[in-house]
Amino acid sequence: MPYNAAMAIIAVAGRKGGIGKSTIAGNLAGEFVYLGRSVVVLDADPQHSIAEWSEQGEGLLAQCVLKIEGGQPGVVKANAKAAAASADMVIIDTPPGMPDVIYEAAMVADLVLLPCGPSHLDLFPLKSAIALTLKARAARRSKKPRVRLVPSKVSMNTNLGRSLQSSLEERMGKKVMPPISQRVIVAEAVASGYTMREYAPNSPSAAEFLALAKAADRLSRR
């Protein structure tokens, strides 16, 4: 379907590794393509997880992932602006241990998504990521980037998983996006080089990523 709205830049960030950042960024790309958007994914994580994912097969990520070295000032911003000139959606996957890169991504993003796991230990680095994002917003003197939390790798059949959304909103004071559950099929898709939309389009996991993509799309264009 054609899409003529202004482009949007979404950063997926966090100060803690292993919370599903790259999985969320890559699958958001798959859902945005499904929704008719043109997409560029900037892999600014030195581990280059999304780039490796894209190289496992011939899925859509192989066509839209750009590996960048985000250690130098201005690199993320310059690449994001260049990508935005030719794509409806730019998704930036940031590294957990490099606050300067997170801050730079927040300086150019319309929306910052902060995945968070169900453990209380995940809340400490989450506070740091929120502070970095709000610092960027203050520097921009803008309402952007908007900040949203994403419950990630949750088990919705547990009390902890079911209560995570309300717990995050209460403790962090930020609104929460649709959750992403922990499922083996998500890892299987990554190992095959595909997004969930390509690997299992009728699965509950694909439905979750689609719900997240639609919510992110609405917010990033406000």
Protein backbone atom coordinates (compact mmCIF):
# COMPACT_ATOMS: atom_id res chain seq x y z
CA MET A 1 0.00 0.00 0.00
CA PRO A 2 1.35 3.51 -0.71
CA TYR A 3 2.49 5.60 2.21
CA ASN A 4 2.99 9.34 1.93
CA ALA A 5 3.27 10.53 5.53
CA ALA A 6 6.45 12.16 6.79
CA MET A 7 9.26 9.85 7.76
CA ALA A 8 9.90 8.82 11.36
CA ILE A 9 12.99 7.77 13.29
CA ILE A 10 12.67 5.22 16.10
CA ALA A 11 15.54 4.31 18.43
CA VAL A 12 15.47 1.08 20.42
CA ALA A 13 17.68 1.60 23.45
CA GLY A 14 18.67 0.33 26.87
CA ARG A 15 21.62 0.30 29.25
CA LYS A 16 21.34 -3.47 29.84
CA GLY A 17 22.17 -6.24 27.38
CA GLY A 18 20.02 -9.28 26.78
CA ILE A 19 16.67 -7.51 26.99
CA GLY A 20 15.62 -8.14 23.38
CA LYS A 21 16.57 -4.80 21.83
CA SER A 22 17.85 -6.18 18.56
CA THR A 23 15.00 -8.69 18.31
CA ILE A 24 12.49 -5.88 18.72
CA ALA A 25 14.26 -3.57 16.25
CA GLY A 26 14.51 -6.24 13.56
CA ASN A 27 10.94 -7.42 13.92
CA LEU A 28 9.63 -3.86 13.91
CA ALA A 29 11.30 -3.53 10.53
CA GLY A 30 9.44 -6.61 9.32
CA GLU A 31 6.10 -5.27 10.51
CA PHE A 32 6.64 -1.82 9.03
CA VAL A 33 7.40 -3.39 5.65
CA TYR A 34 4.22 -5.44 6.04
CA LEU A 35 2.35 -2.17 6.67
CA GLY A 36 3.69 -0.71 3.43
CA ARG A 37 6.59 1.36 4.74
CA SER A 38 10.08 1.56 3.33
CA VAL A 39 12.55 0.86 6.14
CA VAL A 40 16.23 1.29 6.96
CA VAL A 41 17.68 -0.33 10.09
CA LEU A 42 20.85 1.22 11.48
CA ASP A 43 22.83 -1.33 13.47
CA ALA A 44 24.87 0.89 15.81
CA ASP A 45 25.65 -1.88 18.31
CA PRO A 46 29.33 -2.95 18.13
CA GLN A 47 28.15 -6.56 18.43
CA HIS A 48 26.16 -6.00 15.20
CA SER A 49 23.52 -8.57 16.14
CA ILE A 50 20.99 -7.38 13.55
CA ALA A 51 23.63 -7.39 10.81
CA GLU A 52 24.51 -10.98 11.70
CA TRP A 53 20.81 -11.86 11.80
CA SER A 54 20.34 -10.39 8.32
CA GLU A 55 23.23 -12.45 6.99
CA GLN A 56 21.68 -15.76 8.05
CA GLY A 57 19.29 -15.90 5.11
CA GLU A 58 17.67 -13.95 2.31
CA GLY A 59 14.93 -12.25 4.29
CA LEU A 60 13.94 -8.60 4.19
CA LEU A 61 16.59 -7.62 6.75
CA ALA A 62 19.24 -8.51 4.20
CA GLN A 63 17.88 -5.63 2.12
CA CYS A 64 17.55 -2.90 4.74
CA VAL A 65 20.18 -3.28 7.50
CA LEU A 66 23.08 -0.86 7.49
CA LYS A 67 26.00 -1.60 9.82
CA ILE A 68 27.48 1.56 11.31
CA GLU A 69 30.24 2.20 13.81
CA GLY A 70 28.66 4.43 16.42
CA GLY A 71 31.72 5.21 18.50
CA GLN A 72 32.54 8.52 16.83
CA PRO A 73 30.46 11.63 17.60
CA GLY A 74 27.93 12.47 14.93
CA VAL A 75 28.02 9.12 13.12
CA VAL A 76 24.59 7.93 14.29
CA LYS A 77 22.96 11.29 13.62
CA ALA A 78 24.50 11.62 10.16
CA ASN A 79 23.48 8.09 9.14
CA ALA A 80 19.97 8.53 10.50
CA LYS A 81 19.42 11.74 8.55
CA ALA A 82 20.83 10.20 5.38
CA ALA A 83 18.58 7.14 5.74
CA ALA A 84 15.54 9.31 6.43
CA ALA A 85 15.97 10.94 3.04
CA SER A 86 15.05 7.68 1.31
CA ALA A 87 12.90 5.72 3.79
CA ASP A 88 9.58 6.11 5.60
CA MET A 89 10.95 4.54 8.78
CA VAL A 90 14.45 4.55 10.23
CA ILE A 91 15.09 2.20 13.13
CA ILE A 92 18.25 2.61 15.22
CA ASP A 93 19.48 -0.34 17.30
CA THR A 94 21.76 1.10 19.98
CA PRO A 95 24.38 -0.61 22.19
CA PRO A 96 23.76 -1.15 25.92
CA GLY A 97 27.18 -0.08 27.17
CA MET A 98 27.65 3.16 25.23
CA PRO A 99 25.55 5.97 26.73
CA ASP A 100 26.93 8.52 24.26
CA VAL A 101 25.44 6.54 21.37
CA ILE A 102 22.07 6.24 23.11
CA TYR A 103 22.08 9.99 23.73
CA GLU A 104 22.98 10.75 20.11
CA ALA A 105 20.20 8.48 18.86
CA ALA A 106 17.75 10.21 21.19
CA MET A 107 18.85 13.57 19.80
CA VAL A 108 17.57 12.61 16.36
CA ALA A 109 14.74 10.17 17.13
CA ASP A 110 11.02 10.88 17.14
CA LEU A 111 10.41 7.96 19.50
CA VAL A 112 12.67 6.00 21.85
CA LEU A 113 11.56 2.51 22.84
CA LEU A 114 13.10 1.12 26.03
CA PRO A 115 12.66 -2.65 26.39
CA CYS A 116 12.59 -3.97 29.94
CA GLY A 117 12.51 -7.52 31.27
CA PRO A 118 10.45 -8.79 34.21
CA SER A 119 13.31 -8.83 36.72
CA HIS A 120 13.54 -6.04 39.27
CA LEU A 121 17.26 -5.87 38.39
CA ASP A 122 16.21 -4.60 34.95
CA LEU A 123 14.76 -1.45 36.51
CA PHE A 124 18.09 0.09 37.55
CA PRO A 125 19.59 0.36 34.05
CA LEU A 126 16.15 1.36 32.75
CA LYS A 127 16.20 4.46 34.94
CA SER A 128 19.56 5.42 33.45
CA ALA A 129 18.25 5.00 29.89
CA ILE A 130 15.19 7.12 30.67
CA ALA A 131 17.43 9.85 32.12
CA LEU A 132 19.58 9.89 28.97
CA THR A 133 16.53 10.18 26.77
CA LEU A 134 15.00 12.98 28.81
CA LYS A 135 18.34 14.80 28.76
CA ALA A 136 18.24 14.69 24.95
CA ARG A 137 14.67 15.98 24.94
CA ALA A 138 15.66 18.91 27.15
CA ALA A 139 18.61 19.70 24.89
CA ARG A 140 16.31 19.70 21.87
CA ARG A 141 13.74 21.86 23.68
CA SER A 142 11.08 19.66 22.19
CA LYS A 143 8.44 17.10 23.07
CA LYS A 144 10.58 14.64 21.15
CA PRO A 145 11.77 12.06 21.47
CA ARG A 146 8.68 10.52 22.99
CA VAL A 147 9.61 7.78 25.44
CA ARG A 148 7.84 4.47 25.86
CA LEU A 149 8.68 1.29 27.76
CA VAL A 150 8.32 -2.14 26.14
CA PRO A 151 7.84 -5.20 28.38
CA SER A 152 10.22 -7.67 26.76
CA LYS A 153 10.83 -11.41 27.11
CA VAL A 154 7.85 -11.73 29.42
CA SER A 155 5.89 -14.87 30.26
CA MET A 156 2.27 -13.81 30.28
CA ASN A 157 1.24 -17.01 32.07
CA THR A 158 3.04 -15.85 35.23
CA ASN A 159 1.93 -13.29 37.82
CA LEU A 160 5.17 -11.36 37.26
CA GLY A 161 4.60 -11.17 33.53
CA ARG A 162 0.96 -10.14 33.83
CA SER A 163 1.74 -7.40 36.35
CA LEU A 164 4.79 -6.01 34.54
CA GLN A 165 2.94 -3.32 32.61
CA SER A 166 1.28 -1.76 35.63
CA SER A 167 4.47 -2.17 37.67
CA LEU A 168 6.56 -0.35 35.06
CA GLU A 169 4.10 2.52 34.75
CA GLU A 170 3.95 2.93 38.53
CA ARG A 171 7.69 2.72 39.15
CA MET A 172 9.04 4.50 36.08
CA GLY A 173 6.29 7.04 35.46
CA LYS A 174 6.28 6.33 31.72
CA LYS A 175 3.63 4.79 29.51
CA VAL A 176 4.03 1.19 28.39
CA MET A 177 3.68 -0.27 24.91
CA PRO A 178 2.28 -3.70 23.93
CA PRO A 179 4.46 -6.49 25.41
CA ILE A 180 6.68 -8.98 23.63
CA SER A 181 6.53 -12.49 25.06
CA GLN A 182 9.38 -14.92 25.46
CA ARG A 183 8.88 -17.66 22.87
CA VAL A 184 11.23 -20.18 21.27
CA ILE A 185 9.80 -19.43 17.82
CA VAL A 186 11.26 -15.91 17.95
CA ALA A 187 14.77 -17.32 18.36
CA GLU A 188 14.10 -19.82 15.58
CA ALA A 189 13.18 -17.00 13.21
CA VAL A 190 16.39 -15.13 14.00
CA ALA A 191 18.50 -18.25 13.44
CA SER A 192 16.84 -18.64 10.02
CA GLY A 193 17.54 -15.04 9.03
CA TYR A 194 13.87 -14.04 8.98
CA THR A 195 11.58 -11.73 10.89
CA MET A 196 8.50 -13.18 12.56
CA ARG A 197 6.31 -11.75 9.79
CA GLU A 198 8.25 -13.86 7.27
CA TYR A 199 8.85 -16.93 9.43
CA ALA A 200 5.44 -17.40 11.09
CA PRO A 201 3.03 -14.65 10.00
CA ASN A 202 0.01 -16.17 11.74
CA SER A 203 1.74 -16.78 15.07
CA PRO A 204 0.98 -15.01 18.36
CA SER A 205 4.51 -13.57 18.26
CA ALA A 206 3.91 -11.95 14.87
CA ALA A 207 0.68 -10.48 16.25
CA GLU A 208 2.57 -8.99 19.21
CA PHE A 209 5.18 -7.36 17.01
CA LEU A 210 2.46 -6.00 14.73
CA ALA A 211 0.64 -4.46 17.71
CA LEU A 212 3.90 -2.86 18.84
CA ALA A 213 4.65 -1.55 15.33
CA LYS A 214 1.22 0.03 14.98
CA ALA A 215 1.51 1.72 18.37
CA ALA A 216 5.03 2.95 17.60
CA ASP A 217 3.92 4.24 14.20
CA ARG A 218 1.13 6.34 15.72
CA LEU A 219 3.38 7.82 18.40
CA SER A 220 6.36 8.60 16.20
CA ARG A 221 4.25 10.77 13.89
CA ARG A 222 2.56 12.95 16.49
